[in-house]
């Protein structure tokens, strides 16, 4: 009988630790732990945050805020990856896509991973004095959400929705940093982005569905079942529909509409790719969401720059 989510942590035999690595090899393990060699997650976090910065400022937000939010995105995403691997270390070895992660194969210890996460979070905290009080308060909430996300896969049937909250928190933080408060359309953008995250992370979860079922983890791909492709399409539609409404509300025009149309084309392409649920195509669609996010951001920047 295959292991379940309840008995796997006790039945799991940790892999034999790898022999001590050379300095270069250990650094490569740290880079792998924090996914700095896979920047797609940074970009998926960064584009909506930058959307919010530009919308909040009505254009160029200034170098200080751009650098603070860019650095914070990189540092917190990297810390989040380390914490995620600590939480999932007893499961990753049983999933084909994650079996080679450094904790799953014993290349780094759990203690090292926790220290890396703490160090990165501490570096991110150094940026807080550069933000106003409203943005700093939201940052503490964002950290709590990000740190608790890995454990939601144990019991929450839609952990992708919780990830959507974590991956969207840069939006209210950006509005608060510029305006001192989050306006209604800032919260609407936060909600809209949540649907985009559910769409692309469901594509990601479709890659692991078979392994997740076997070991007892939860995901939106499992929750939606045979309606998964339809659910992804609906989430894209809700995101893009809300985005169009927000753009109209704040007075964006033709250049934004062009970026939005490119994003719509990307979403349609993704749904086409995942229609047969082939893992490679689902992963391809997930990674391509970077271009969707870039198209939206480019449309916002060009429209605001045109006055």
C-alpha atoms as a PDB file:
ATOM      1  CA  UNK A   1       0.000   0.000   0.000  1.00  0.00           C
ATOM      2  CA  UNK A   2       1.456   3.408  -0.878  1.00  0.00           C
ATOM      3  CA  UNK A   3       2.264   5.744   2.010  1.00  0.00           C
ATOM      4  CA  UNK A   4      -0.286   8.365   3.028  1.00  0.00           C
ATOM      5  CA  UNK A   5       0.245  11.961   4.050  1.00  0.00           C
ATOM      6  CA  UNK A   6      -0.250  10.892   7.652  1.00  0.00           C
ATOM      7  CA  UNK A   7       2.221   8.039   7.884  1.00  0.00           C
ATOM      8  CA  UNK A   8       4.856   9.131   5.395  1.00  0.00           C
ATOM      9  CA  UNK A   9       6.832  11.431   7.710  1.00  0.00           C
ATOM     10  CA  UNK A  10       7.297   8.565  10.181  1.00  0.00           C
ATOM     11  CA  UNK A  11       8.004   5.936   7.537  1.00  0.00           C
ATOM     12  CA  UNK A  12      10.378   8.047   5.518  1.00  0.00           C
ATOM     13  CA  UNK A  13      14.027   7.091   5.752  1.00  0.00           C
ATOM     14  CA  UNK A  14      16.204  10.172   5.235  1.00  0.00           C
ATOM     15  CA  UNK A  15      18.683   9.845   2.404  1.00  0.00           C
ATOM     16  CA  UNK A  16      22.292   9.184   3.249  1.00  0.00           C
ATOM     17  CA  UNK A  17      23.945  12.608   3.536  1.00  0.00           C
ATOM     18  CA  UNK A  18      26.188  13.501   0.652  1.00  0.00           C
ATOM     19  CA  UNK A  19      29.902  13.735   1.427  1.00  0.00           C
ATOM     20  CA  UNK A  20      31.158  17.221   2.354  1.00  0.00           C
ATOM     21  CA  UNK A  21      31.124  19.368  -0.738  1.00  0.00           C
ATOM     22  CA  UNK A  22      33.852  21.615  -1.977  1.00  0.00           C
ATOM     23  CA  UNK A  23      33.171  25.339  -1.339  1.00  0.00           C
ATOM     24  CA  UNK A  24      31.925  25.807  -4.884  1.00  0.00           C
ATOM     25  CA  UNK A  25      29.703  22.759  -4.596  1.00  0.00           C
ATOM     26  CA  UNK A  26      28.214  23.950  -1.311  1.00  0.00           C
ATOM     27  CA  UNK A  27      27.523  27.371  -2.783  1.00  0.00           C
ATOM     28  CA  UNK A  28      25.749  25.656  -5.666  1.00  0.00           C
ATOM     29  CA  UNK A  29      23.617  23.827  -3.079  1.00  0.00           C
ATOM     30  CA  UNK A  30      22.671  27.135  -1.429  1.00  0.00           C
ATOM     31  CA  UNK A  31      21.746  28.587  -4.812  1.00  0.00           C
ATOM     32  CA  UNK A  32      19.622  25.523  -5.546  1.00  0.00           C
ATOM     33  CA  UNK A  33      17.962  25.707  -2.110  1.00  0.00           C
ATOM     34  CA  UNK A  34      16.925  29.330  -2.676  1.00  0.00           C
ATOM     35  CA  UNK A  35      16.044  28.745  -6.369  1.00  0.00           C
ATOM     36  CA  UNK A  36      18.267  31.603  -7.503  1.00  0.00           C
ATOM     37  CA  UNK A  37      19.063  29.366 -10.463  1.00  0.00           C
ATOM     38  CA  UNK A  38      15.332  29.333 -11.309  1.00  0.00           C
ATOM     39  CA  UNK A  39      14.213  32.978 -11.340  1.00  0.00           C
ATOM     40  CA  UNK A  40      10.705  32.292 -12.675  1.00  0.00           C
ATOM     41  CA  UNK A  41       9.283  32.530  -9.137  1.00  0.00           C
ATOM     42  CA  UNK A  42      10.952  35.901  -8.594  1.00  0.00           C
ATOM     43  CA  UNK A  43       9.455  37.243 -11.811  1.00  0.00           C
ATOM     44  CA  UNK A  44       5.961  35.954 -11.026  1.00  0.00           C
ATOM     45  CA  UNK A  45       6.176  37.828  -7.720  1.00  0.00           C
ATOM     46  CA  UNK A  46       7.811  40.918  -9.155  1.00  0.00           C
ATOM     47  CA  UNK A  47       5.539  41.795 -12.098  1.00  0.00           C
ATOM     48  CA  UNK A  48       2.333  42.353 -10.078  1.00  0.00           C
ATOM     49  CA  UNK A  49       4.283  44.228  -7.398  1.00  0.00           C
ATOM     50  CA  UNK A  50       5.681  46.552 -10.046  1.00  0.00           C
ATOM     51  CA  UNK A  51       2.199  46.915 -11.563  1.00  0.00           C
ATOM     52  CA  UNK A  52       1.015  48.199  -8.200  1.00  0.00           C
ATOM     53  CA  UNK A  53       3.999  50.524  -7.742  1.00  0.00           C
ATOM     54  CA  UNK A  54       3.407  52.188 -11.118  1.00  0.00           C
ATOM     55  CA  UNK A  55      -0.358  52.444 -10.597  1.00  0.00           C
ATOM     56  CA  UNK A  56       0.053  53.837  -7.082  1.00  0.00           C
ATOM     57  CA  UNK A  57       2.567  56.452  -8.223  1.00  0.00           C
ATOM     58  CA  UNK A  58       0.789  57.257 -11.484  1.00  0.00           C
ATOM     59  CA  UNK A  59       4.032  56.479 -13.298  1.00  0.00           C
ATOM     60  CA  UNK A  60       7.696  56.198 -12.336  1.00  0.00           C
ATOM     61  CA  UNK A  61       7.823  55.452  -8.560  1.00  0.00           C
ATOM     62  CA  UNK A  62      11.462  56.475  -8.057  1.00  0.00           C
ATOM     63  CA  UNK A  63      14.629  54.468  -7.619  1.00  0.00           C
ATOM     64  CA  UNK A  64      14.302  54.007  -3.855  1.00  0.00           C
ATOM     65  CA  UNK A  65      10.981  52.200  -3.945  1.00  0.00           C
ATOM     66  CA  UNK A  66      11.894  50.268  -7.083  1.00  0.00           C
ATOM     67  CA  UNK A  67      15.090  48.941  -5.492  1.00  0.00           C
ATOM     68  CA  UNK A  68      13.468  48.255  -2.098  1.00  0.00           C
ATOM     69  CA  UNK A  69      10.632  46.227  -3.588  1.00  0.00           C
ATOM     70  CA  UNK A  70      12.873  44.421  -6.082  1.00  0.00           C
ATOM     71  CA  UNK A  71      15.383  43.455  -3.377  1.00  0.00           C
ATOM     72  CA  UNK A  72      12.610  42.482  -0.972  1.00  0.00           C
ATOM     73  CA  UNK A  73      11.015  40.268  -3.619  1.00  0.00           C
ATOM     74  CA  UNK A  74      14.267  38.413  -4.309  1.00  0.00           C
ATOM     75  CA  UNK A  75      15.171  37.992  -0.646  1.00  0.00           C
ATOM     76  CA  UNK A  76      11.755  36.881   0.588  1.00  0.00           C
ATOM     77  CA  UNK A  77      11.136  34.528  -2.325  1.00  0.00           C
ATOM     78  CA  UNK A  78      14.526  32.917  -1.660  1.00  0.00           C
ATOM     79  CA  UNK A  79      13.822  32.635   2.065  1.00  0.00           C
ATOM     80  CA  UNK A  80      10.404  31.186   1.287  1.00  0.00           C
ATOM     81  CA  UNK A  81      11.927  28.500  -0.922  1.00  0.00           C
ATOM     82  CA  UNK A  82      14.285  27.458   1.873  1.00  0.00           C
ATOM     83  CA  UNK A  83      11.432  27.257   4.391  1.00  0.00           C
ATOM     84  CA  UNK A  84       9.314  25.341   1.879  1.00  0.00           C
ATOM     85  CA  UNK A  85      12.063  22.757   1.436  1.00  0.00           C
ATOM     86  CA  UNK A  86      12.421  22.380   5.201  1.00  0.00           C
ATOM     87  CA  UNK A  87       8.684  21.781   5.531  1.00  0.00           C
ATOM     88  CA  UNK A  88       8.598  19.362   2.578  1.00  0.00           C
ATOM     89  CA  UNK A  89      11.877  17.537   3.172  1.00  0.00           C
ATOM     90  CA  UNK A  90      10.094  14.279   4.096  1.00  0.00           C
ATOM     91  CA  UNK A  91       7.908  14.404   0.998  1.00  0.00           C
ATOM     92  CA  UNK A  92      10.176  15.753  -1.742  1.00  0.00           C
ATOM     93  CA  UNK A  93      12.172  12.537  -2.107  1.00  0.00           C
ATOM     94  CA  UNK A  94       8.918  10.762  -3.098  1.00  0.00           C
ATOM     95  CA  UNK A  95       8.008  13.233  -5.869  1.00  0.00           C
ATOM     96  CA  UNK A  96       9.764  12.849  -9.206  1.00  0.00           C
ATOM     97  CA  UNK A  97      10.117  16.587  -9.843  1.00  0.00           C
ATOM     98  CA  UNK A  98      11.538  17.375  -6.387  1.00  0.00           C
ATOM     99  CA  UNK A  99      13.585  14.273  -5.577  1.00  0.00           C
ATOM    100  CA  UNK A 100      16.839  16.045  -6.481  1.00  0.00           C
ATOM    101  CA  UNK A 101      16.307  19.013  -4.146  1.00  0.00           C
ATOM    102  CA  UNK A 102      19.232  19.521  -1.811  1.00  0.00           C
ATOM    103  CA  UNK A 103      17.433  18.598   1.425  1.00  0.00           C
ATOM    104  CA  UNK A 104      15.706  15.619  -0.141  1.00  0.00           C
ATOM    105  CA  UNK A 105      19.057  14.144  -1.204  1.00  0.00           C
ATOM    106  CA  UNK A 106      20.963  15.230   1.905  1.00  0.00           C
ATOM    107  CA  UNK A 107      23.308  17.734   0.270  1.00  0.00           C
ATOM    108  CA  UNK A 108      22.461  20.274   3.005  1.00  0.00           C
ATOM    109  CA  UNK A 109      21.176  19.812   6.537  1.00  0.00           C
ATOM    110  CA  UNK A 110      17.865  21.101   7.826  1.00  0.00           C
ATOM    111  CA  UNK A 111      19.756  23.375  10.220  1.00  0.00           C
ATOM    112  CA  UNK A 112      21.679  24.946   7.340  1.00  0.00           C
ATOM    113  CA  UNK A 113      18.472  25.558   5.399  1.00  0.00           C
ATOM    114  CA  UNK A 114      16.808  27.232   8.394  1.00  0.00           C
ATOM    115  CA  UNK A 115      19.865  29.446   8.938  1.00  0.00           C
ATOM    116  CA  UNK A 116      19.811  30.463   5.269  1.00  0.00           C
ATOM    117  CA  UNK A 117      16.118  31.369   5.499  1.00  0.00           C
ATOM    118  CA  UNK A 118      16.664  33.393   8.682  1.00  0.00           C
ATOM    119  CA  UNK A 119      19.642  35.225   7.179  1.00  0.00           C
ATOM    120  CA  UNK A 120      17.709  36.138   4.038  1.00  0.00           C
ATOM    121  CA  UNK A 121      14.679  37.301   6.050  1.00  0.00           C
ATOM    122  CA  UNK A 122      16.990  39.419   8.213  1.00  0.00           C
ATOM    123  CA  UNK A 123      18.442  41.030   5.098  1.00  0.00           C
ATOM    124  CA  UNK A 124      14.920  41.753   3.859  1.00  0.00           C
ATOM    125  CA  UNK A 125      14.097  43.313   7.237  1.00  0.00           C
ATOM    126  CA  UNK A 126      16.893  45.837   6.681  1.00  0.00           C
ATOM    127  CA  UNK A 127      14.750  47.406   3.949  1.00  0.00           C
ATOM    128  CA  UNK A 128      11.822  48.102   6.311  1.00  0.00           C
ATOM    129  CA  UNK A 129      13.206  51.442   7.610  1.00  0.00           C
ATOM    130  CA  UNK A 130      13.088  52.632   3.993  1.00  0.00           C
ATOM    131  CA  UNK A 131       9.295  52.115   3.945  1.00  0.00           C
ATOM    132  CA  UNK A 132       6.569  54.032   5.734  1.00  0.00           C
ATOM    133  CA  UNK A 133       4.720  52.582   8.705  1.00  0.00           C
ATOM    134  CA  UNK A 134       1.711  51.415   6.670  1.00  0.00           C
ATOM    135  CA  UNK A 135       3.853  49.362   4.284  1.00  0.00           C
ATOM    136  CA  UNK A 136       6.018  47.999   7.115  1.00  0.00           C
ATOM    137  CA  UNK A 137       2.946  46.718   8.975  1.00  0.00           C
ATOM    138  CA  UNK A 138       1.760  44.885   5.863  1.00  0.00           C
ATOM    139  CA  UNK A 139       5.255  43.401   5.457  1.00  0.00           C
ATOM    140  CA  UNK A 140       4.934  41.570   8.785  1.00  0.00           C
ATOM    141  CA  UNK A 141       1.614  40.079   7.680  1.00  0.00           C
ATOM    142  CA  UNK A 142       3.194  39.042   4.367  1.00  0.00           C
ATOM    143  CA  UNK A 143       6.032  37.233   6.180  1.00  0.00           C
ATOM    144  CA  UNK A 144       3.571  35.341   8.395  1.00  0.00           C
ATOM    145  CA  UNK A 145       1.531  34.225   5.388  1.00  0.00           C
ATOM    146  CA  UNK A 146       4.621  33.161   3.413  1.00  0.00           C
ATOM    147  CA  UNK A 147       6.093  31.210   6.346  1.00  0.00           C
ATOM    148  CA  UNK A 148       2.855  29.311   7.000  1.00  0.00           C
ATOM    149  CA  UNK A 149       2.083  28.445   3.353  1.00  0.00           C
ATOM    150  CA  UNK A 150       4.152  25.221   3.123  1.00  0.00           C
ATOM    151  CA  UNK A 151       2.101  23.620   5.896  1.00  0.00           C
ATOM    152  CA  UNK A 152      -1.260  24.316   4.251  1.00  0.00           C
ATOM    153  CA  UNK A 153      -0.633  21.498   1.785  1.00  0.00           C
ATOM    154  CA  UNK A 154      -1.134  19.085   4.681  1.00  0.00           C
ATOM    155  CA  UNK A 155      -4.806  19.921   5.275  1.00  0.00           C
ATOM    156  CA  UNK A 156      -6.116  22.774   3.075  1.00  0.00           C
ATOM    157  CA  UNK A 157      -7.773  21.470  -0.119  1.00  0.00           C
ATOM    158  CA  UNK A 158      -6.744  24.557  -2.130  1.00  0.00           C
ATOM    159  CA  UNK A 159      -3.233  25.571  -0.992  1.00  0.00           C
ATOM    160  CA  UNK A 160      -2.837  27.451  -4.288  1.00  0.00           C
ATOM    161  CA  UNK A 161      -5.403  29.976  -3.033  1.00  0.00           C
ATOM    162  CA  UNK A 162      -3.316  30.555   0.083  1.00  0.00           C
ATOM    163  CA  UNK A 163      -0.224  30.883  -2.098  1.00  0.00           C
ATOM    164  CA  UNK A 164      -2.180  33.472  -4.081  1.00  0.00           C
ATOM    165  CA  UNK A 165      -2.465  35.569  -0.925  1.00  0.00           C
ATOM    166  CA  UNK A 166       1.270  35.209  -0.256  1.00  0.00           C
ATOM    167  CA  UNK A 167       2.264  36.008  -3.851  1.00  0.00           C
ATOM    168  CA  UNK A 168      -0.061  39.035  -4.016  1.00  0.00           C
ATOM    169  CA  UNK A 169       0.967  40.816  -0.835  1.00  0.00           C
ATOM    170  CA  UNK A 170       3.449  43.016  -2.651  1.00  0.00           C
ATOM    171  CA  UNK A 171       0.446  44.806  -4.200  1.00  0.00           C
ATOM    172  CA  UNK A 172      -1.062  46.369  -1.048  1.00  0.00           C
ATOM    173  CA  UNK A 173       2.452  46.964   0.275  1.00  0.00           C
ATOM    174  CA  UNK A 174       3.315  48.958  -2.860  1.00  0.00           C
ATOM    175  CA  UNK A 175       0.172  51.089  -2.640  1.00  0.00           C
ATOM    176  CA  UNK A 176       0.780  51.685   1.072  1.00  0.00           C
ATOM    177  CA  UNK A 177       4.412  52.634   0.430  1.00  0.00           C
ATOM    178  CA  UNK A 178       3.426  55.259  -2.153  1.00  0.00           C
ATOM    179  CA  UNK A 179       0.097  56.549  -0.850  1.00  0.00           C
ATOM    180  CA  UNK A 180       0.177  55.703   2.874  1.00  0.00           C
ATOM    181  CA  UNK A 181      -2.946  53.548   2.500  1.00  0.00           C
ATOM    182  CA  UNK A 182      -4.407  50.958   0.142  1.00  0.00           C
ATOM    183  CA  UNK A 183      -7.249  52.300  -2.044  1.00  0.00           C
ATOM    184  CA  UNK A 184     -10.147  50.147  -3.182  1.00  0.00           C
ATOM    185  CA  UNK A 185      -8.627  49.441  -6.594  1.00  0.00           C
ATOM    186  CA  UNK A 186      -5.436  48.339  -4.825  1.00  0.00           C
ATOM    187  CA  UNK A 187      -7.361  45.647  -2.962  1.00  0.00           C
ATOM    188  CA  UNK A 188      -9.200  44.724  -6.154  1.00  0.00           C
ATOM    189  CA  UNK A 189      -5.842  44.256  -7.888  1.00  0.00           C
ATOM    190  CA  UNK A 190      -4.764  42.071  -4.948  1.00  0.00           C
ATOM    191  CA  UNK A 191      -7.869  39.921  -5.380  1.00  0.00           C
ATOM    192  CA  UNK A 192      -7.478  39.753  -9.164  1.00  0.00           C
ATOM    193  CA  UNK A 193      -3.866  38.649  -8.849  1.00  0.00           C
ATOM    194  CA  UNK A 194      -4.927  35.846  -6.523  1.00  0.00           C
ATOM    195  CA  UNK A 195      -6.874  34.295  -9.420  1.00  0.00           C
ATOM    196  CA  UNK A 196      -3.822  34.534 -11.682  1.00  0.00           C
ATOM    197  CA  UNK A 197      -1.711  32.727  -9.073  1.00  0.00           C
ATOM    198  CA  UNK A 198      -4.325  29.971  -8.752  1.00  0.00           C
ATOM    199  CA  UNK A 199      -4.311  29.604 -12.549  1.00  0.00           C
ATOM    200  CA  UNK A 200      -0.573  29.212 -12.994  1.00  0.00           C
ATOM    201  CA  UNK A 201       0.032  27.252  -9.812  1.00  0.00           C
ATOM    202  CA  UNK A 202      -2.711  24.810 -10.764  1.00  0.00           C
ATOM    203  CA  UNK A 203      -0.773  24.224 -13.990  1.00  0.00           C
ATOM    204  CA  UNK A 204       2.272  23.598 -11.803  1.00  0.00           C
ATOM    205  CA  UNK A 205       0.284  21.240  -9.532  1.00  0.00           C
ATOM    206  CA  UNK A 206      -0.941  19.270 -12.551  1.00  0.00           C
ATOM    207  CA  UNK A 207       2.676  18.185 -13.076  1.00  0.00           C
ATOM    208  CA  UNK A 208       2.806  16.576  -9.614  1.00  0.00           C
ATOM    209  CA  UNK A 209      -0.772  15.338  -9.334  1.00  0.00           C
ATOM    210  CA  UNK A 210       0.049  11.620  -9.494  1.00  0.00           C
ATOM    211  CA  UNK A 211       2.772  11.856  -6.842  1.00  0.00           C
ATOM    212  CA  UNK A 212       0.700  14.160  -4.622  1.00  0.00           C
ATOM    213  CA  UNK A 213      -2.199  11.689  -4.669  1.00  0.00           C
ATOM    214  CA  UNK A 214       0.146   8.843  -3.785  1.00  0.00           C
ATOM    215  CA  UNK A 215       1.688  10.585  -0.753  1.00  0.00           C
ATOM    216  CA  UNK A 216      -1.451  12.345   0.476  1.00  0.00           C
ATOM    217  CA  UNK A 217      -0.718  16.015  -0.274  1.00  0.00           C
ATOM    218  CA  UNK A 218      -3.421  18.476  -1.342  1.00  0.00           C
ATOM    219  CA  UNK A 219      -3.480  20.700  -4.409  1.00  0.00           C
ATOM    220  CA  UNK A 220      -5.903  22.603  -6.619  1.00  0.00           C
ATOM    221  CA  UNK A 221      -5.203  20.110  -9.435  1.00  0.00           C
ATOM    222  CA  UNK A 222      -6.567  17.347  -7.193  1.00  0.00           C
ATOM    223  CA  UNK A 223      -9.387  19.524  -5.854  1.00  0.00           C
ATOM    224  CA  UNK A 224     -10.649  20.489  -9.335  1.00  0.00           C
ATOM    225  CA  UNK A 225     -10.288  16.938 -10.672  1.00  0.00           C
ATOM    226  CA  UNK A 226     -11.413  16.590 -14.298  1.00  0.00           C
ATOM    227  CA  UNK A 227     -12.528  20.238 -14.248  1.00  0.00           C
ATOM    228  CA  UNK A 228      -8.925  21.397 -13.804  1.00  0.00           C
ATOM    229  CA  UNK A 229      -8.471  22.809 -17.318  1.00  0.00           C
ATOM    230  CA  UNK A 230     -11.800  24.629 -17.122  1.00  0.00           C
ATOM    231  CA  UNK A 231     -10.889  25.983 -13.676  1.00  0.00           C
ATOM    232  CA  UNK A 232      -7.585  27.343 -14.983  1.00  0.00           C
ATOM    233  CA  UNK A 233      -9.410  29.040 -17.878  1.00  0.00           C
ATOM    234  CA  UNK A 234     -11.982  30.562 -15.499  1.00  0.00           C
ATOM    235  CA  UNK A 235      -9.248  31.867 -13.174  1.00  0.00           C
ATOM    236  CA  UNK A 236      -7.441  33.477 -16.112  1.00  0.00           C
ATOM    237  CA  UNK A 237     -10.742  35.015 -17.194  1.00  0.00           C
ATOM    238  CA  UNK A 238     -11.462  36.431 -13.740  1.00  0.00           C
ATOM    239  CA  UNK A 239      -7.951  37.865 -13.493  1.00  0.00           C
ATOM    240  CA  UNK A 240      -7.985  39.497 -16.899  1.00  0.00           C
ATOM    241  CA  UNK A 241     -11.569  40.693 -16.541  1.00  0.00           C
ATOM    242  CA  UNK A 242     -10.814  42.352 -13.218  1.00  0.00           C
ATOM    243  CA  UNK A 243      -7.617  43.821 -14.649  1.00  0.00           C
ATOM    244  CA  UNK A 244      -9.556  45.380 -17.528  1.00  0.00           C
ATOM    245  CA  UNK A 245     -11.986  46.927 -15.065  1.00  0.00           C
ATOM    246  CA  UNK A 246      -9.193  48.329 -12.906  1.00  0.00           C
ATOM    247  CA  UNK A 247      -7.449  49.735 -15.962  1.00  0.00           C
ATOM    248  CA  UNK A 248     -10.642  51.497 -17.016  1.00  0.00           C
ATOM    249  CA  UNK A 249     -11.235  52.804 -13.492  1.00  0.00           C
ATOM    250  CA  UNK A 250      -7.784  54.429 -13.267  1.00  0.00           C
ATOM    251  CA  UNK A 251      -7.951  55.805 -16.806  1.00  0.00           C
ATOM    252  CA  UNK A 252      -5.569  53.516 -18.681  1.00  0.00           C
ATOM    253  CA  UNK A 253      -6.057  53.497 -22.422  1.00  0.00           C
ATOM    254  CA  UNK A 254      -4.744  52.035 -25.678  1.00  0.00           C
ATOM    255  CA  UNK A 255      -1.238  50.986 -24.644  1.00  0.00           C
ATOM    256  CA  UNK A 256      -2.552  49.164 -21.614  1.00  0.00           C
ATOM    257  CA  UNK A 257      -5.194  47.524 -23.808  1.00  0.00           C
ATOM    258  CA  UNK A 258      -2.427  46.271 -26.121  1.00  0.00           C
ATOM    259  CA  UNK A 259      -0.521  44.718 -23.212  1.00  0.00           C
ATOM    260  CA  UNK A 260      -3.756  43.245 -21.891  1.00  0.00           C
ATOM    261  CA  UNK A 261      -4.491  41.693 -25.303  1.00  0.00           C
ATOM    262  CA  UNK A 262      -1.043  40.056 -25.349  1.00  0.00           C
ATOM    263  CA  UNK A 263      -1.714  38.694 -21.851  1.00  0.00           C
ATOM    264  CA  UNK A 264      -5.056  37.319 -23.045  1.00  0.00           C
ATOM    265  CA  UNK A 265      -3.275  35.578 -25.911  1.00  0.00           C
ATOM    266  CA  UNK A 266      -0.790  34.064 -23.460  1.00  0.00           C
ATOM    267  CA  UNK A 267      -3.617  32.781 -21.256  1.00  0.00           C
ATOM    268  CA  UNK A 268      -5.404  31.223 -24.228  1.00  0.00           C
ATOM    269  CA  UNK A 269      -2.143  29.555 -25.298  1.00  0.00           C
ATOM    270  CA  UNK A 270      -1.640  28.138 -21.810  1.00  0.00           C
ATOM    271  CA  UNK A 271      -5.111  26.609 -21.747  1.00  0.00           C
ATOM    272  CA  UNK A 272      -4.407  25.043 -25.135  1.00  0.00           C
ATOM    273  CA  UNK A 273      -1.122  23.603 -23.905  1.00  0.00           C
ATOM    274  CA  UNK A 274      -2.642  21.995 -20.800  1.00  0.00           C
ATOM    275  CA  UNK A 275      -5.748  20.626 -22.500  1.00  0.00           C
ATOM    276  CA  UNK A 276      -4.401  17.042 -22.501  1.00  0.00           C
ATOM    277  CA  UNK A 277      -2.860  17.351 -19.019  1.00  0.00           C
ATOM    278  CA  UNK A 278       0.576  16.276 -20.209  1.00  0.00           C
ATOM    279  CA  UNK A 279       3.023  17.150 -17.398  1.00  0.00           C
ATOM    280  CA  UNK A 280       5.648  18.662 -19.719  1.00  0.00           C
ATOM    281  CA  UNK A 281       3.074  20.930 -21.349  1.00  0.00           C
ATOM    282  CA  UNK A 282       1.600  21.924 -17.987  1.00  0.00           C
ATOM    283  CA  UNK A 283       5.064  22.908 -16.778  1.00  0.00           C
ATOM    284  CA  UNK A 284       5.639  24.775 -20.031  1.00  0.00           C
ATOM    285  CA  UNK A 285       2.437  26.753 -19.469  1.00  0.00           C
ATOM    286  CA  UNK A 286       3.420  27.535 -15.881  1.00  0.00           C
ATOM    287  CA  UNK A 287       6.808  28.925 -16.895  1.00  0.00           C
ATOM    288  CA  UNK A 288       5.329  30.969 -19.752  1.00  0.00           C
ATOM    289  CA  UNK A 289       3.273  33.017 -17.267  1.00  0.00           C
ATOM    290  CA  UNK A 290       6.315  35.235 -16.877  1.00  0.00           C
ATOM    291  CA  UNK A 291       5.510  36.639 -20.328  1.00  0.00           C
ATOM    292  CA  UNK A 292       1.889  37.206 -19.384  1.00  0.00           C
ATOM    293  CA  UNK A 293       2.980  39.217 -16.349  1.00  0.00           C
ATOM    294  CA  UNK A 294       5.515  41.170 -18.387  1.00  0.00           C
ATOM    295  CA  UNK A 295       2.881  42.054 -20.994  1.00  0.00           C
ATOM    296  CA  UNK A 296       0.573  43.511 -18.339  1.00  0.00           C
ATOM    297  CA  UNK A 297       3.400  45.474 -16.716  1.00  0.00           C
ATOM    298  CA  UNK A 298       4.645  46.813 -20.045  1.00  0.00           C
ATOM    299  CA  UNK A 299       1.138  47.969 -20.934  1.00  0.00           C
ATOM    300  CA  UNK A 300       0.798  49.823 -17.623  1.00  0.00           C
ATOM    301  CA  UNK A 301       4.226  51.478 -17.903  1.00  0.00           C
ATOM    302  CA  UNK A 302       3.763  52.582 -21.514  1.00  0.00           C
ATOM    303  CA  UNK A 303       0.256  53.899 -20.889  1.00  0.00           C
ATOM    304  CA  UNK A 304       1.238  55.917 -17.840  1.00  0.00           C
ATOM    305  CA  UNK A 305       4.354  57.211 -19.580  1.00  0.00           C
ATOM    306  CA  UNK A 306       2.232  58.547 -22.440  1.00  0.00           C
ATOM    307  CA  UNK A 307       0.331  60.767 -20.033  1.00  0.00           C
END
